[in-house]
Amino acid sequence: MNGGSDMTLAFELEALKEFASPESVFEDARGWTEYIGVVSEKPTYVVTNFTRKNRIRQDFFSGPRGKEESLAGVKDQFDTERYVYVGVDDADEQLAEAVEWEYLSVDDAAEAADWVLATSAEEEMDDSEPVRDDWP
């Protein structure tokens, strides 16, 4: 992605689930962001289970608060030049605008950072030669 590393990056949980390797996305983004985390309207344990399963270490998460309150709180707590929110739909884009964050769709984020979406990984596997399962 373009820009400096003085950035706070937040992923909507559903956006993060669209990547083939959420762990790799976080590892890569740590190289050019100051702070990174996940926000969601889902209960805290849902986010925690997903991040644990994918070995994601986040600097912040929404906890029991909603996404709007979480993003506003993150902006108050972490002082960076840019605040970028990666989401999945128009509601996420409107939310970003409401809390004065830059919005990036999951597709645009994947393209800009060369991250692989799960659907792309599945398509690549579909295009590969079939594996013989009748071999001893």
C-alpha atoms as a PDB file:
ATOM      1  CA  MET A   1       0.000   0.000   0.000  1.00  0.00           C
ATOM      2  CA  ASN A   2       1.112   3.540  -0.567  1.00  0.00           C
ATOM      3  CA  GLY A   3       1.847   6.055   2.121  1.00  0.00           C
ATOM      4  CA  GLY A   4       4.009   6.141   5.191  1.00  0.00           C
ATOM      5  CA  SER A   5       4.020   3.802   8.118  1.00  0.00           C
ATOM      6  CA  ASP A   6       2.373   6.345  10.439  1.00  0.00           C
ATOM      7  CA  MET A   7      -0.986   4.643  10.044  1.00  0.00           C
ATOM      8  CA  THR A   8      -3.590   2.886  12.128  1.00  0.00           C
ATOM      9  CA  LEU A   9      -5.251   0.062  10.219  1.00  0.00           C
ATOM     10  CA  ALA A  10      -8.535  -1.545  11.277  1.00  0.00           C
ATOM     11  CA  PHE A  11     -10.171  -4.549   9.659  1.00  0.00           C
ATOM     12  CA  GLU A  12     -13.840  -5.386   9.913  1.00  0.00           C
ATOM     13  CA  LEU A  13     -13.900  -9.038  11.008  1.00  0.00           C
ATOM     14  CA  GLU A  14     -15.862 -10.087   7.919  1.00  0.00           C
ATOM     15  CA  ALA A  15     -13.265  -8.378   5.677  1.00  0.00           C
ATOM     16  CA  LEU A  16     -10.441 -10.208   7.412  1.00  0.00           C
ATOM     17  CA  LYS A  17     -12.246 -13.518   6.897  1.00  0.00           C
ATOM     18  CA  GLU A  18     -12.145 -12.947   3.122  1.00  0.00           C
ATOM     19  CA  PHE A  19      -8.360 -13.316   2.943  1.00  0.00           C
ATOM     20  CA  ALA A  20      -6.772 -16.679   2.176  1.00  0.00           C
ATOM     21  CA  SER A  21      -4.296 -16.117   5.025  1.00  0.00           C
ATOM     22  CA  PRO A  22      -5.381 -13.495   7.583  1.00  0.00           C
ATOM     23  CA  GLU A  23      -2.202 -14.201   9.551  1.00  0.00           C
ATOM     24  CA  SER A  24      -0.044 -13.255   6.542  1.00  0.00           C
ATOM     25  CA  VAL A  25      -2.086 -10.103   6.000  1.00  0.00           C
ATOM     26  CA  PHE A  26      -1.398  -8.972   9.570  1.00  0.00           C
ATOM     27  CA  GLU A  27       2.287  -9.907   9.369  1.00  0.00           C
ATOM     28  CA  ASP A  28       2.704  -7.937   6.151  1.00  0.00           C
ATOM     29  CA  ALA A  29       0.730  -4.928   7.378  1.00  0.00           C
ATOM     30  CA  ARG A  30       2.823  -4.729  10.560  1.00  0.00           C
ATOM     31  CA  GLY A  31       5.733  -3.729   8.330  1.00  0.00           C
ATOM     32  CA  TRP A  32       4.047  -0.508   7.243  1.00  0.00           C
ATOM     33  CA  THR A  33       1.546   0.365   9.956  1.00  0.00           C
ATOM     34  CA  GLU A  34       1.927   1.631  13.484  1.00  0.00           C
ATOM     35  CA  TYR A  35      -1.186  -0.041  14.919  1.00  0.00           C
ATOM     36  CA  ILE A  36      -3.472  -2.759  13.595  1.00  0.00           C
ATOM     37  CA  GLY A  37      -6.598  -4.417  14.871  1.00  0.00           C
ATOM     38  CA  VAL A  38     -10.035  -5.895  14.270  1.00  0.00           C
ATOM     39  CA  VAL A  39     -13.454  -4.392  14.874  1.00  0.00           C
ATOM     40  CA  SER A  40     -16.816  -6.117  14.760  1.00  0.00           C
ATOM     41  CA  GLU A  41     -20.361  -5.999  16.034  1.00  0.00           C
ATOM     42  CA  LYS A  42     -19.981  -9.667  16.977  1.00  0.00           C
ATOM     43  CA  PRO A  43     -19.350 -10.663  20.617  1.00  0.00           C
ATOM     44  CA  THR A  44     -15.762 -10.384  21.843  1.00  0.00           C
ATOM     45  CA  TYR A  45     -15.289 -14.150  22.023  1.00  0.00           C
ATOM     46  CA  VAL A  46     -16.018 -14.480  18.281  1.00  0.00           C
ATOM     47  CA  VAL A  47     -13.239 -12.036  17.386  1.00  0.00           C
ATOM     48  CA  THR A  48     -10.892 -13.580  19.968  1.00  0.00           C
ATOM     49  CA  ASN A  49     -11.507 -17.112  18.684  1.00  0.00           C
ATOM     50  CA  PHE A  50     -10.865 -16.049  15.085  1.00  0.00           C
ATOM     51  CA  THR A  51      -7.674 -14.141  15.896  1.00  0.00           C
ATOM     52  CA  ARG A  52      -6.342 -16.946  18.107  1.00  0.00           C
ATOM     53  CA  LYS A  53      -7.097 -19.598  15.491  1.00  0.00           C
ATOM     54  CA  ASN A  54      -5.259 -17.533  12.868  1.00  0.00           C
ATOM     55  CA  ARG A  55      -2.388 -16.500  15.183  1.00  0.00           C
ATOM     56  CA  ILE A  56      -3.190 -12.816  14.812  1.00  0.00           C
ATOM     57  CA  ARG A  57      -1.771 -10.417  17.364  1.00  0.00           C
ATOM     58  CA  GLN A  58      -3.764  -7.215  17.337  1.00  0.00           C
ATOM     59  CA  ASP A  59      -3.076  -3.878  18.982  1.00  0.00           C
ATOM     60  CA  PHE A  60      -6.769  -3.212  19.552  1.00  0.00           C
ATOM     61  CA  PHE A  61     -10.173  -4.832  19.114  1.00  0.00           C
ATOM     62  CA  SER A  62     -13.739  -3.708  19.502  1.00  0.00           C
ATOM     63  CA  GLY A  63     -14.494  -5.651  22.651  1.00  0.00           C
ATOM     64  CA  PRO A  64     -18.046  -5.216  23.862  1.00  0.00           C
ATOM     65  CA  ARG A  65     -18.451  -1.910  22.011  1.00  0.00           C
ATOM     66  CA  GLY A  66     -19.852  -1.511  18.529  1.00  0.00           C
ATOM     67  CA  LYS A  67     -17.740  -0.659  15.492  1.00  0.00           C
ATOM     68  CA  GLU A  68     -18.456   3.078  15.515  1.00  0.00           C
ATOM     69  CA  GLU A  69     -17.543   3.504  19.175  1.00  0.00           C
ATOM     70  CA  SER A  70     -14.492   1.275  18.709  1.00  0.00           C
ATOM     71  CA  LEU A  71     -13.137   3.228  15.731  1.00  0.00           C
ATOM     72  CA  ALA A  72     -13.720   6.544  17.524  1.00  0.00           C
ATOM     73  CA  GLY A  73     -11.932   5.183  20.607  1.00  0.00           C
ATOM     74  CA  VAL A  74      -9.005   3.881  18.589  1.00  0.00           C
ATOM     75  CA  LYS A  75      -8.613   7.273  16.925  1.00  0.00           C
ATOM     76  CA  ASP A  76      -8.554   8.951  20.346  1.00  0.00           C
ATOM     77  CA  GLN A  77      -6.084   6.442  21.762  1.00  0.00           C
ATOM     78  CA  PHE A  78      -3.616   6.033  18.882  1.00  0.00           C
ATOM     79  CA  ASP A  79      -2.152   9.164  17.348  1.00  0.00           C
ATOM     80  CA  THR A  80      -1.155   8.542  13.730  1.00  0.00           C
ATOM     81  CA  GLU A  81      -1.351  10.554  10.520  1.00  0.00           C
ATOM     82  CA  ARG A  82      -3.779   8.155   8.833  1.00  0.00           C
ATOM     83  CA  TYR A  83      -6.622   5.937   9.945  1.00  0.00           C
ATOM     84  CA  VAL A  84      -7.678   3.318   7.409  1.00  0.00           C
ATOM     85  CA  TYR A  85     -10.666   1.005   7.799  1.00  0.00           C
ATOM     86  CA  VAL A  86     -10.949  -2.102   5.603  1.00  0.00           C
ATOM     87  CA  GLY A  87     -14.539  -3.225   5.206  1.00  0.00           C
ATOM     88  CA  VAL A  88     -16.882  -5.218   3.022  1.00  0.00           C
ATOM     89  CA  ASP A  89     -19.915  -3.142   2.123  1.00  0.00           C
ATOM     90  CA  ASP A  90     -21.593   0.262   1.819  1.00  0.00           C
ATOM     91  CA  ALA A  91     -22.460   0.278   5.519  1.00  0.00           C
ATOM     92  CA  ASP A  92     -18.753  -0.050   6.360  1.00  0.00           C
ATOM     93  CA  GLU A  93     -17.929   2.770   3.964  1.00  0.00           C
ATOM     94  CA  GLN A  94     -20.564   5.008   5.561  1.00  0.00           C
ATOM     95  CA  LEU A  95     -19.260   4.132   9.007  1.00  0.00           C
ATOM     96  CA  ALA A  96     -15.724   5.089   8.022  1.00  0.00           C
ATOM     97  CA  GLU A  97     -16.974   8.410   6.716  1.00  0.00           C
ATOM     98  CA  ALA A  98     -18.966   9.038   9.914  1.00  0.00           C
ATOM     99  CA  VAL A  99     -15.921   8.528  12.155  1.00  0.00           C
ATOM    100  CA  GLU A 100     -13.517  10.257   9.728  1.00  0.00           C
ATOM    101  CA  TRP A 101     -11.470   7.224   8.746  1.00  0.00           C
ATOM    102  CA  GLU A 102     -10.317   6.452   5.202  1.00  0.00           C
ATOM    103  CA  TYR A 103     -12.288   3.546   3.770  1.00  0.00           C
ATOM    104  CA  LEU A 104     -10.831   0.737   1.702  1.00  0.00           C
ATOM    105  CA  SER A 105     -12.863  -2.182   0.422  1.00  0.00           C
ATOM    106  CA  VAL A 106     -11.403  -5.612   1.050  1.00  0.00           C
ATOM    107  CA  ASP A 107     -10.927  -6.065  -2.713  1.00  0.00           C
ATOM    108  CA  ASP A 108      -9.054  -2.765  -3.072  1.00  0.00           C
ATOM    109  CA  ALA A 109      -6.914  -3.530  -0.014  1.00  0.00           C
ATOM    110  CA  ALA A 110      -6.023  -6.950  -1.418  1.00  0.00           C
ATOM    111  CA  GLU A 111      -5.067  -5.449  -4.765  1.00  0.00           C
ATOM    112  CA  ALA A 112      -3.040  -2.587  -3.286  1.00  0.00           C
ATOM    113  CA  ALA A 113      -1.092  -4.797  -0.887  1.00  0.00           C
ATOM    114  CA  ASP A 114      -0.871  -7.972  -3.001  1.00  0.00           C
ATOM    115  CA  TRP A 115      -2.887  -9.970  -0.468  1.00  0.00           C
ATOM    116  CA  VAL A 116      -4.634 -13.104  -1.690  1.00  0.00           C
ATOM    117  CA  LEU A 117      -8.368 -13.363  -1.210  1.00  0.00           C
ATOM    118  CA  ALA A 118      -9.774 -16.767  -0.309  1.00  0.00           C
ATOM    119  CA  THR A 119     -11.842 -16.778  -3.505  1.00  0.00           C
ATOM    120  CA  SER A 120      -8.687 -16.190  -5.583  1.00  0.00           C
ATOM    121  CA  ALA A 121      -6.884 -19.043  -3.847  1.00  0.00           C
ATOM    122  CA  GLU A 122      -9.834 -21.356  -4.514  1.00  0.00           C
ATOM    123  CA  GLU A 123      -9.899 -20.352  -8.188  1.00  0.00           C
ATOM    124  CA  GLU A 124      -6.172 -21.065  -8.513  1.00  0.00           C
ATOM    125  CA  MET A 125      -6.709 -24.527  -7.065  1.00  0.00           C
ATOM    126  CA  ASP A 126      -9.605 -25.133  -9.449  1.00  0.00           C
ATOM    127  CA  ASP A 127      -7.345 -24.215 -12.386  1.00  0.00           C
ATOM    128  CA  SER A 128      -4.594 -26.625 -11.376  1.00  0.00           C
ATOM    129  CA  GLU A 129      -4.346 -30.120 -12.792  1.00  0.00           C
ATOM    130  CA  PRO A 130      -6.515 -32.685 -11.083  1.00  0.00           C
ATOM    131  CA  VAL A 131      -4.840 -34.869  -8.490  1.00  0.00           C
ATOM    132  CA  ARG A 132      -5.202 -38.597  -8.953  1.00  0.00           C
ATOM    133  CA  ASP A 133      -6.661 -40.189  -5.857  1.00  0.00           C
ATOM    134  CA  ASP A 134      -6.633 -43.723  -7.259  1.00  0.00           C
ATOM    135  CA  TRP A 135      -2.859 -43.988  -6.954  1.00  0.00           C
ATOM    136  CA  PRO A 136      -1.566 -46.509  -4.388  1.00  0.00           C
END
